[in-house]
Amino acid sequence: MIEYIIGTMKKVNKKLAAVDIAECALFVALMVVGAYIKIPFPLVPLTFQTVICVLSGLLLGWKKGGIAMGVYCIMGLIGIPVFASEPFGGFSYVLKPSFGYILGFIIAAICAGLVRGNNAKTPLWRYFVASAVAFVANYALGIVYFIAVWQLNGYEGLGTAVVTYNILYMPKDVVLCALAAVLAWRVVPLIHKGKNKLKEPEKQTPPEEDIAA
């Protein structure tokens, strides 16, 4: 009987591990797609990478969200064409002013997951706070890195560049992150419900010798 229980637990753990890998892979793929989607919009194009990284933390939790964004970052640094402003990426991308946002995606996902917590019944206001913290973390690191690399390269017009390449994008990301909070608030209970079903042992009859024992 003990062997039967242990075998059932192993099957459940394998299923959960497969789900975790699939979830991380999904958000890596979404980040890659998001890097190339730019919808024309007044002043700045509408892009989705910031909101995707926030969603990864809200939906997957801080650990898996951070892993997914970390994998995305590594993919770009080893030369896979996943970064938006540099088709072929590579380690030299760390010298780009925009690389701070790539690192910021990892921090933002972790912050979103930590603030949201692991409770399926987390109130909506906490999702908003988690999204706001993630948004601030991403832009804080992104802007500081941008300024440092811009000055390191000796470029002129720092003030204009900060506004054009950073500040102008903030309003649309605020709105998208707020929508992400509402979406995650709706979806997270469904995710928990699905995983709880996976944890339920399959309705199988133990071996007859175990029953007899």
C-alpha atoms as a PDB file:
ATOM      1  CA  MET A   1       0.000   0.000   0.000  1.00  0.00           C
ATOM      2  CA  ILE A   2       2.860   2.376   0.831  1.00  0.00           C
ATOM      3  CA  GLU A   3       4.466   1.727  -2.556  1.00  0.00           C
ATOM      4  CA  TYR A   4       1.162   2.542  -4.244  1.00  0.00           C
ATOM      5  CA  ILE A   5       0.903   5.889  -2.414  1.00  0.00           C
ATOM      6  CA  ILE A   6       4.511   6.791  -3.209  1.00  0.00           C
ATOM      7  CA  GLY A   7       3.970   5.906  -6.876  1.00  0.00           C
ATOM      8  CA  THR A   8       0.870   8.105  -7.018  1.00  0.00           C
ATOM      9  CA  MET A   9       2.738  11.030  -5.459  1.00  0.00           C
ATOM     10  CA  LYS A  10       5.532  10.695  -8.021  1.00  0.00           C
ATOM     11  CA  LYS A  11       3.010  10.809 -10.869  1.00  0.00           C
ATOM     12  CA  VAL A  12       1.440  13.969  -9.431  1.00  0.00           C
ATOM     13  CA  ASN A  13       4.843  15.647  -9.013  1.00  0.00           C
ATOM     14  CA  LYS A  14       5.768  14.825 -12.614  1.00  0.00           C
ATOM     15  CA  LYS A  15       2.518  16.370 -13.839  1.00  0.00           C
ATOM     16  CA  LEU A  16       3.092  19.540 -11.803  1.00  0.00           C
ATOM     17  CA  ALA A  17       6.694  19.801 -13.016  1.00  0.00           C
ATOM     18  CA  ALA A  18       5.525  19.506 -16.617  1.00  0.00           C
ATOM     19  CA  VAL A  19       2.959  22.260 -16.014  1.00  0.00           C
ATOM     20  CA  ASP A  20       5.600  24.525 -14.446  1.00  0.00           C
ATOM     21  CA  ILE A  21       7.927  24.087 -17.428  1.00  0.00           C
ATOM     22  CA  ALA A  22       5.087  24.740 -19.854  1.00  0.00           C
ATOM     23  CA  GLU A  23       4.092  27.920 -18.008  1.00  0.00           C
ATOM     24  CA  CYS A  24       7.640  29.299 -18.074  1.00  0.00           C
ATOM     25  CA  ALA A  25       8.051  28.378 -21.743  1.00  0.00           C
ATOM     26  CA  LEU A  26       4.778  30.119 -22.585  1.00  0.00           C
ATOM     27  CA  PHE A  27       5.928  33.426 -21.115  1.00  0.00           C
ATOM     28  CA  VAL A  28       9.338  33.167 -22.756  1.00  0.00           C
ATOM     29  CA  ALA A  29       7.517  32.758 -26.072  1.00  0.00           C
ATOM     30  CA  LEU A  30       5.216  35.682 -25.286  1.00  0.00           C
ATOM     31  CA  MET A  31       8.221  37.901 -24.551  1.00  0.00           C
ATOM     32  CA  VAL A  32       9.801  36.949 -27.875  1.00  0.00           C
ATOM     33  CA  VAL A  33       6.590  37.728 -29.731  1.00  0.00           C
ATOM     34  CA  GLY A  34       6.093  40.915 -27.723  1.00  0.00           C
ATOM     35  CA  ALA A  35       9.518  42.170 -28.805  1.00  0.00           C
ATOM     36  CA  TYR A  36       8.369  42.350 -32.417  1.00  0.00           C
ATOM     37  CA  ILE A  37       4.821  43.622 -31.979  1.00  0.00           C
ATOM     38  CA  LYS A  38       4.640  47.401 -32.247  1.00  0.00           C
ATOM     39  CA  ILE A  39       1.222  48.931 -32.813  1.00  0.00           C
ATOM     40  CA  PRO A  40       1.291  52.528 -34.148  1.00  0.00           C
ATOM     41  CA  PHE A  41       0.024  54.929 -31.505  1.00  0.00           C
ATOM     42  CA  PRO A  42       0.239  58.703 -30.923  1.00  0.00           C
ATOM     43  CA  LEU A  43       3.720  59.754 -29.730  1.00  0.00           C
ATOM     44  CA  VAL A  44       5.009  56.199 -29.055  1.00  0.00           C
ATOM     45  CA  PRO A  45       4.213  52.736 -30.464  1.00  0.00           C
ATOM     46  CA  LEU A  46       2.173  50.364 -28.335  1.00  0.00           C
ATOM     47  CA  THR A  47       4.365  47.463 -27.151  1.00  0.00           C
ATOM     48  CA  PHE A  48       3.656  44.661 -24.688  1.00  0.00           C
ATOM     49  CA  GLN A  49       6.876  43.377 -23.127  1.00  0.00           C
ATOM     50  CA  THR A  50       6.507  45.310 -19.874  1.00  0.00           C
ATOM     51  CA  VAL A  51       2.976  44.061 -19.287  1.00  0.00           C
ATOM     52  CA  ILE A  52       3.985  40.496 -20.221  1.00  0.00           C
ATOM     53  CA  CYS A  53       6.784  40.470 -17.654  1.00  0.00           C
ATOM     54  CA  VAL A  54       4.419  41.832 -14.997  1.00  0.00           C
ATOM     55  CA  LEU A  55       1.859  39.183 -15.893  1.00  0.00           C
ATOM     56  CA  SER A  56       4.493  36.466 -15.597  1.00  0.00           C
ATOM     57  CA  GLY A  57       5.089  37.418 -11.976  1.00  0.00           C
ATOM     58  CA  LEU A  58       1.401  37.821 -11.166  1.00  0.00           C
ATOM     59  CA  LEU A  59       0.328  34.535 -12.757  1.00  0.00           C
ATOM     60  CA  LEU A  60       3.341  32.268 -12.220  1.00  0.00           C
ATOM     61  CA  GLY A  61       4.696  33.639  -8.949  1.00  0.00           C
ATOM     62  CA  TRP A  62       8.025  35.307  -8.279  1.00  0.00           C
ATOM     63  CA  LYS A  63      10.211  32.246  -8.838  1.00  0.00           C
ATOM     64  CA  LYS A  64       8.820  30.972 -12.149  1.00  0.00           C
ATOM     65  CA  GLY A  65       8.196  34.488 -13.404  1.00  0.00           C
ATOM     66  CA  GLY A  66      11.804  35.423 -12.688  1.00  0.00           C
ATOM     67  CA  ILE A  67      13.059  32.226 -14.311  1.00  0.00           C
ATOM     68  CA  ALA A  68      11.012  32.860 -17.463  1.00  0.00           C
ATOM     69  CA  MET A  69      12.366  36.401 -17.806  1.00  0.00           C
ATOM     70  CA  GLY A  70      15.887  35.193 -17.008  1.00  0.00           C
ATOM     71  CA  VAL A  71      15.695  32.588 -19.772  1.00  0.00           C
ATOM     72  CA  TYR A  72      14.518  35.283 -22.188  1.00  0.00           C
ATOM     73  CA  CYS A  73      17.482  37.476 -21.226  1.00  0.00           C
ATOM     74  CA  ILE A  74      19.993  34.637 -21.627  1.00  0.00           C
ATOM     75  CA  MET A  75      18.543  33.708 -25.018  1.00  0.00           C
ATOM     76  CA  GLY A  76      19.239  37.206 -26.288  1.00  0.00           C
ATOM     77  CA  LEU A  77      22.729  37.384 -24.791  1.00  0.00           C
ATOM     78  CA  ILE A  78      23.824  34.161 -26.503  1.00  0.00           C
ATOM     79  CA  GLY A  79      22.764  35.539 -29.866  1.00  0.00           C
ATOM     80  CA  ILE A  80      19.219  34.275 -30.398  1.00  0.00           C
ATOM     81  CA  PRO A  81      17.195  37.061 -32.119  1.00  0.00           C
ATOM     82  CA  VAL A  82      14.723  37.841 -29.346  1.00  0.00           C
ATOM     83  CA  PHE A  83      15.528  41.447 -28.411  1.00  0.00           C
ATOM     84  CA  ALA A  84      13.442  44.211 -29.956  1.00  0.00           C
ATOM     85  CA  SER A  85      16.044  46.814 -30.901  1.00  0.00           C
ATOM     86  CA  GLU A  86      18.861  44.440 -31.881  1.00  0.00           C
ATOM     87  CA  PRO A  87      17.769  41.607 -34.199  1.00  0.00           C
ATOM     88  CA  PHE A  88      20.670  39.309 -33.356  1.00  0.00           C
ATOM     89  CA  GLY A  89      21.353  40.235 -29.737  1.00  0.00           C
ATOM     90  CA  GLY A  90      24.641  38.938 -28.377  1.00  0.00           C
ATOM     91  CA  PHE A  91      26.585  39.823 -25.244  1.00  0.00           C
ATOM     92  CA  SER A  92      27.466  43.232 -26.680  1.00  0.00           C
ATOM     93  CA  TYR A  93      23.832  44.148 -26.018  1.00  0.00           C
ATOM     94  CA  VAL A  94      24.805  44.953 -22.426  1.00  0.00           C
ATOM     95  CA  LEU A  95      26.354  48.149 -23.820  1.00  0.00           C
ATOM     96  CA  LYS A  96      23.016  49.240 -25.273  1.00  0.00           C
ATOM     97  CA  PRO A  97      21.172  51.923 -23.250  1.00  0.00           C
ATOM     98  CA  SER A  98      17.997  49.814 -23.394  1.00  0.00           C
ATOM     99  CA  PHE A  99      19.547  46.717 -21.806  1.00  0.00           C
ATOM    100  CA  GLY A 100      18.552  47.956 -18.360  1.00  0.00           C
ATOM    101  CA  TYR A 101      14.964  47.193 -19.246  1.00  0.00           C
ATOM    102  CA  ILE A 102      15.866  43.591 -20.112  1.00  0.00           C
ATOM    103  CA  LEU A 103      17.322  43.199 -16.627  1.00  0.00           C
ATOM    104  CA  GLY A 104      14.339  45.122 -15.308  1.00  0.00           C
ATOM    105  CA  PHE A 105      11.989  42.490 -16.716  1.00  0.00           C
ATOM    106  CA  ILE A 106      13.514  39.923 -14.367  1.00  0.00           C
ATOM    107  CA  ILE A 107      13.292  42.199 -11.326  1.00  0.00           C
ATOM    108  CA  ALA A 108       9.771  43.309 -12.233  1.00  0.00           C
ATOM    109  CA  ALA A 109       8.492  39.737 -12.524  1.00  0.00           C
ATOM    110  CA  ILE A 110      10.029  38.834  -9.163  1.00  0.00           C
ATOM    111  CA  CYS A 111       8.571  41.944  -7.500  1.00  0.00           C
ATOM    112  CA  ALA A 112       5.110  41.285  -8.945  1.00  0.00           C
ATOM    113  CA  GLY A 113       5.128  37.710  -7.678  1.00  0.00           C
ATOM    114  CA  LEU A 114       6.438  38.561  -4.220  1.00  0.00           C
ATOM    115  CA  VAL A 115       3.930  41.361  -3.609  1.00  0.00           C
ATOM    116  CA  ARG A 116       0.997  39.378  -5.008  1.00  0.00           C
ATOM    117  CA  GLY A 117       1.822  36.380  -2.814  1.00  0.00           C
ATOM    118  CA  ASN A 118       0.671  32.814  -3.284  1.00  0.00           C
ATOM    119  CA  ASN A 119      -2.905  33.075  -2.085  1.00  0.00           C
ATOM    120  CA  ALA A 120      -5.566  32.198  -4.637  1.00  0.00           C
ATOM    121  CA  LYS A 121      -7.931  34.648  -2.908  1.00  0.00           C
ATOM    122  CA  THR A 122      -5.595  37.647  -3.005  1.00  0.00           C
ATOM    123  CA  PRO A 123      -7.745  40.834  -3.192  1.00  0.00           C
ATOM    124  CA  LEU A 124      -7.745  42.976  -6.318  1.00  0.00           C
ATOM    125  CA  TRP A 125      -6.082  45.938  -4.613  1.00  0.00           C
ATOM    126  CA  ARG A 126      -3.003  43.804  -3.931  1.00  0.00           C
ATOM    127  CA  TYR A 127      -2.753  42.931  -7.614  1.00  0.00           C
ATOM    128  CA  PHE A 128      -2.742  46.649  -8.400  1.00  0.00           C
ATOM    129  CA  VAL A 129       0.001  47.245  -5.821  1.00  0.00           C
ATOM    130  CA  ALA A 130       2.031  44.329  -7.202  1.00  0.00           C
ATOM    131  CA  SER A 131       1.722  45.675 -10.743  1.00  0.00           C
ATOM    132  CA  ALA A 132       2.686  49.181  -9.595  1.00  0.00           C
ATOM    133  CA  VAL A 133       5.765  47.930  -7.731  1.00  0.00           C
ATOM    134  CA  ALA A 134       6.823  45.863 -10.753  1.00  0.00           C
ATOM    135  CA  PHE A 135       6.294  48.830 -13.069  1.00  0.00           C
ATOM    136  CA  VAL A 136       8.401  51.125 -10.872  1.00  0.00           C
ATOM    137  CA  ALA A 137      11.146  48.500 -10.512  1.00  0.00           C
ATOM    138  CA  ASN A 138      11.363  47.990 -14.270  1.00  0.00           C
ATOM    139  CA  TYR A 139      11.492  51.676 -15.128  1.00  0.00           C
ATOM    140  CA  ALA A 140      13.787  52.606 -12.253  1.00  0.00           C
ATOM    141  CA  LEU A 141      16.424  50.109 -13.342  1.00  0.00           C
ATOM    142  CA  GLY A 142      15.801  50.820 -17.022  1.00  0.00           C
ATOM    143  CA  ILE A 143      16.194  54.603 -16.737  1.00  0.00           C
ATOM    144  CA  VAL A 144      19.245  54.474 -14.444  1.00  0.00           C
ATOM    145  CA  TYR A 145      20.963  52.012 -16.794  1.00  0.00           C
ATOM    146  CA  PHE A 146      19.957  54.108 -19.808  1.00  0.00           C
ATOM    147  CA  ILE A 147      21.503  57.248 -18.323  1.00  0.00           C
ATOM    148  CA  ALA A 148      24.708  55.439 -17.304  1.00  0.00           C
ATOM    149  CA  VAL A 149      25.311  53.880 -20.725  1.00  0.00           C
ATOM    150  CA  TRP A 150      24.305  57.063 -22.572  1.00  0.00           C
ATOM    151  CA  GLN A 151      26.887  59.073 -20.653  1.00  0.00           C
ATOM    152  CA  LEU A 152      29.474  56.292 -20.901  1.00  0.00           C
ATOM    153  CA  ASN A 153      29.174  56.392 -24.694  1.00  0.00           C
ATOM    154  CA  GLY A 154      29.470  60.173 -24.684  1.00  0.00           C
ATOM    155  CA  TYR A 155      26.172  60.782 -26.426  1.00  0.00           C
ATOM    156  CA  GLU A 156      24.644  64.263 -26.339  1.00  0.00           C
ATOM    157  CA  GLY A 157      21.094  65.317 -25.533  1.00  0.00           C
ATOM    158  CA  LEU A 158      20.613  63.160 -22.458  1.00  0.00           C
ATOM    159  CA  GLY A 159      17.510  64.986 -21.225  1.00  0.00           C
ATOM    160  CA  THR A 160      15.715  64.692 -24.552  1.00  0.00           C
ATOM    161  CA  ALA A 161      16.736  61.038 -24.855  1.00  0.00           C
ATOM    162  CA  VAL A 162      15.411  60.181 -21.386  1.00  0.00           C
ATOM    163  CA  VAL A 163      12.047  61.698 -22.256  1.00  0.00           C
ATOM    164  CA  THR A 164      11.854  60.287 -25.794  1.00  0.00           C
ATOM    165  CA  TYR A 165      13.039  56.752 -25.070  1.00  0.00           C
ATOM    166  CA  ASN A 166      11.773  56.325 -21.512  1.00  0.00           C
ATOM    167  CA  ILE A 167       9.255  58.776 -20.058  1.00  0.00           C
ATOM    168  CA  LEU A 168       6.921  58.805 -23.064  1.00  0.00           C
ATOM    169  CA  TYR A 169       6.374  55.049 -22.726  1.00  0.00           C
ATOM    170  CA  MET A 170       5.312  55.204 -19.096  1.00  0.00           C
ATOM    171  CA  PRO A 171       1.627  56.232 -19.430  1.00  0.00           C
ATOM    172  CA  LYS A 172       0.711  53.385 -21.781  1.00  0.00           C
ATOM    173  CA  ASP A 173       2.552  50.875 -19.555  1.00  0.00           C
ATOM    174  CA  VAL A 174       0.704  52.190 -16.488  1.00  0.00           C
ATOM    175  CA  VAL A 175      -2.606  51.468 -18.220  1.00  0.00           C
ATOM    176  CA  LEU A 176      -1.472  48.044 -19.472  1.00  0.00           C
ATOM    177  CA  CYS A 177      -0.139  47.045 -16.045  1.00  0.00           C
ATOM    178  CA  ALA A 178      -3.467  48.026 -14.456  1.00  0.00           C
ATOM    179  CA  LEU A 179      -5.277  45.823 -16.972  1.00  0.00           C
ATOM    180  CA  ALA A 180      -2.779  43.036 -16.219  1.00  0.00           C
ATOM    181  CA  ALA A 181      -3.700  43.268 -12.532  1.00  0.00           C
ATOM    182  CA  VAL A 182      -7.392  42.779 -13.296  1.00  0.00           C
ATOM    183  CA  LEU A 183      -6.692  39.912 -15.699  1.00  0.00           C
ATOM    184  CA  ALA A 184      -4.423  38.136 -13.209  1.00  0.00           C
ATOM    185  CA  TRP A 185      -6.990  38.597 -10.439  1.00  0.00           C
ATOM    186  CA  ARG A 186      -9.476  36.718 -12.594  1.00  0.00           C
ATOM    187  CA  VAL A 187      -7.129  34.013 -13.854  1.00  0.00           C
ATOM    188  CA  VAL A 188      -5.060  33.081 -10.781  1.00  0.00           C
ATOM    189  CA  PRO A 189      -7.969  31.338  -8.957  1.00  0.00           C
ATOM    190  CA  LEU A 190      -8.533  29.229 -12.081  1.00  0.00           C
ATOM    191  CA  ILE A 191      -4.844  28.275 -12.172  1.00  0.00           C
ATOM    192  CA  HIS A 192      -4.927  27.244  -8.501  1.00  0.00           C
ATOM    193  CA  LYS A 193      -8.093  25.259  -9.098  1.00  0.00           C
ATOM    194  CA  GLY A 194      -6.534  23.399 -12.019  1.00  0.00           C
ATOM    195  CA  LYS A 195      -3.381  22.559 -10.074  1.00  0.00           C
ATOM    196  CA  ASN A 196      -5.383  21.354  -7.104  1.00  0.00           C
ATOM    197  CA  LYS A 197      -7.121  18.911  -9.424  1.00  0.00           C
ATOM    198  CA  LEU A 198      -3.740  17.648 -10.593  1.00  0.00           C
ATOM    199  CA  LYS A 199      -2.779  17.034  -6.975  1.00  0.00           C
ATOM    200  CA  GLU A 200      -5.792  14.813  -6.464  1.00  0.00           C
ATOM    201  CA  PRO A 201      -4.794  11.145  -6.708  1.00  0.00           C
ATOM    202  CA  GLU A 202      -6.103   9.271  -9.702  1.00  0.00           C
ATOM    203  CA  LYS A 203      -9.002   6.985  -8.986  1.00  0.00           C
ATOM    204  CA  GLN A 204      -7.165   3.735  -9.286  1.00  0.00           C
ATOM    205  CA  THR A 205      -7.606   0.568  -7.313  1.00  0.00           C
ATOM    206  CA  PRO A 206      -4.495  -0.441  -5.381  1.00  0.00           C
ATOM    207  CA  PRO A 207      -3.015  -3.846  -6.198  1.00  0.00           C
ATOM    208  CA  GLU A 208      -5.040  -6.706  -4.729  1.00  0.00           C
ATOM    209  CA  GLU A 209      -2.153  -7.914  -2.600  1.00  0.00           C
ATOM    210  CA  ASP A 210      -1.948  -4.449  -0.996  1.00  0.00           C
ATOM    211  CA  ILE A 211      -5.674  -4.465  -0.237  1.00  0.00           C
ATOM    212  CA  ALA A 212      -5.391  -7.896   1.284  1.00  0.00           C
ATOM    213  CA  ALA A 213      -2.519  -6.709   3.429  1.00  0.00           C
END
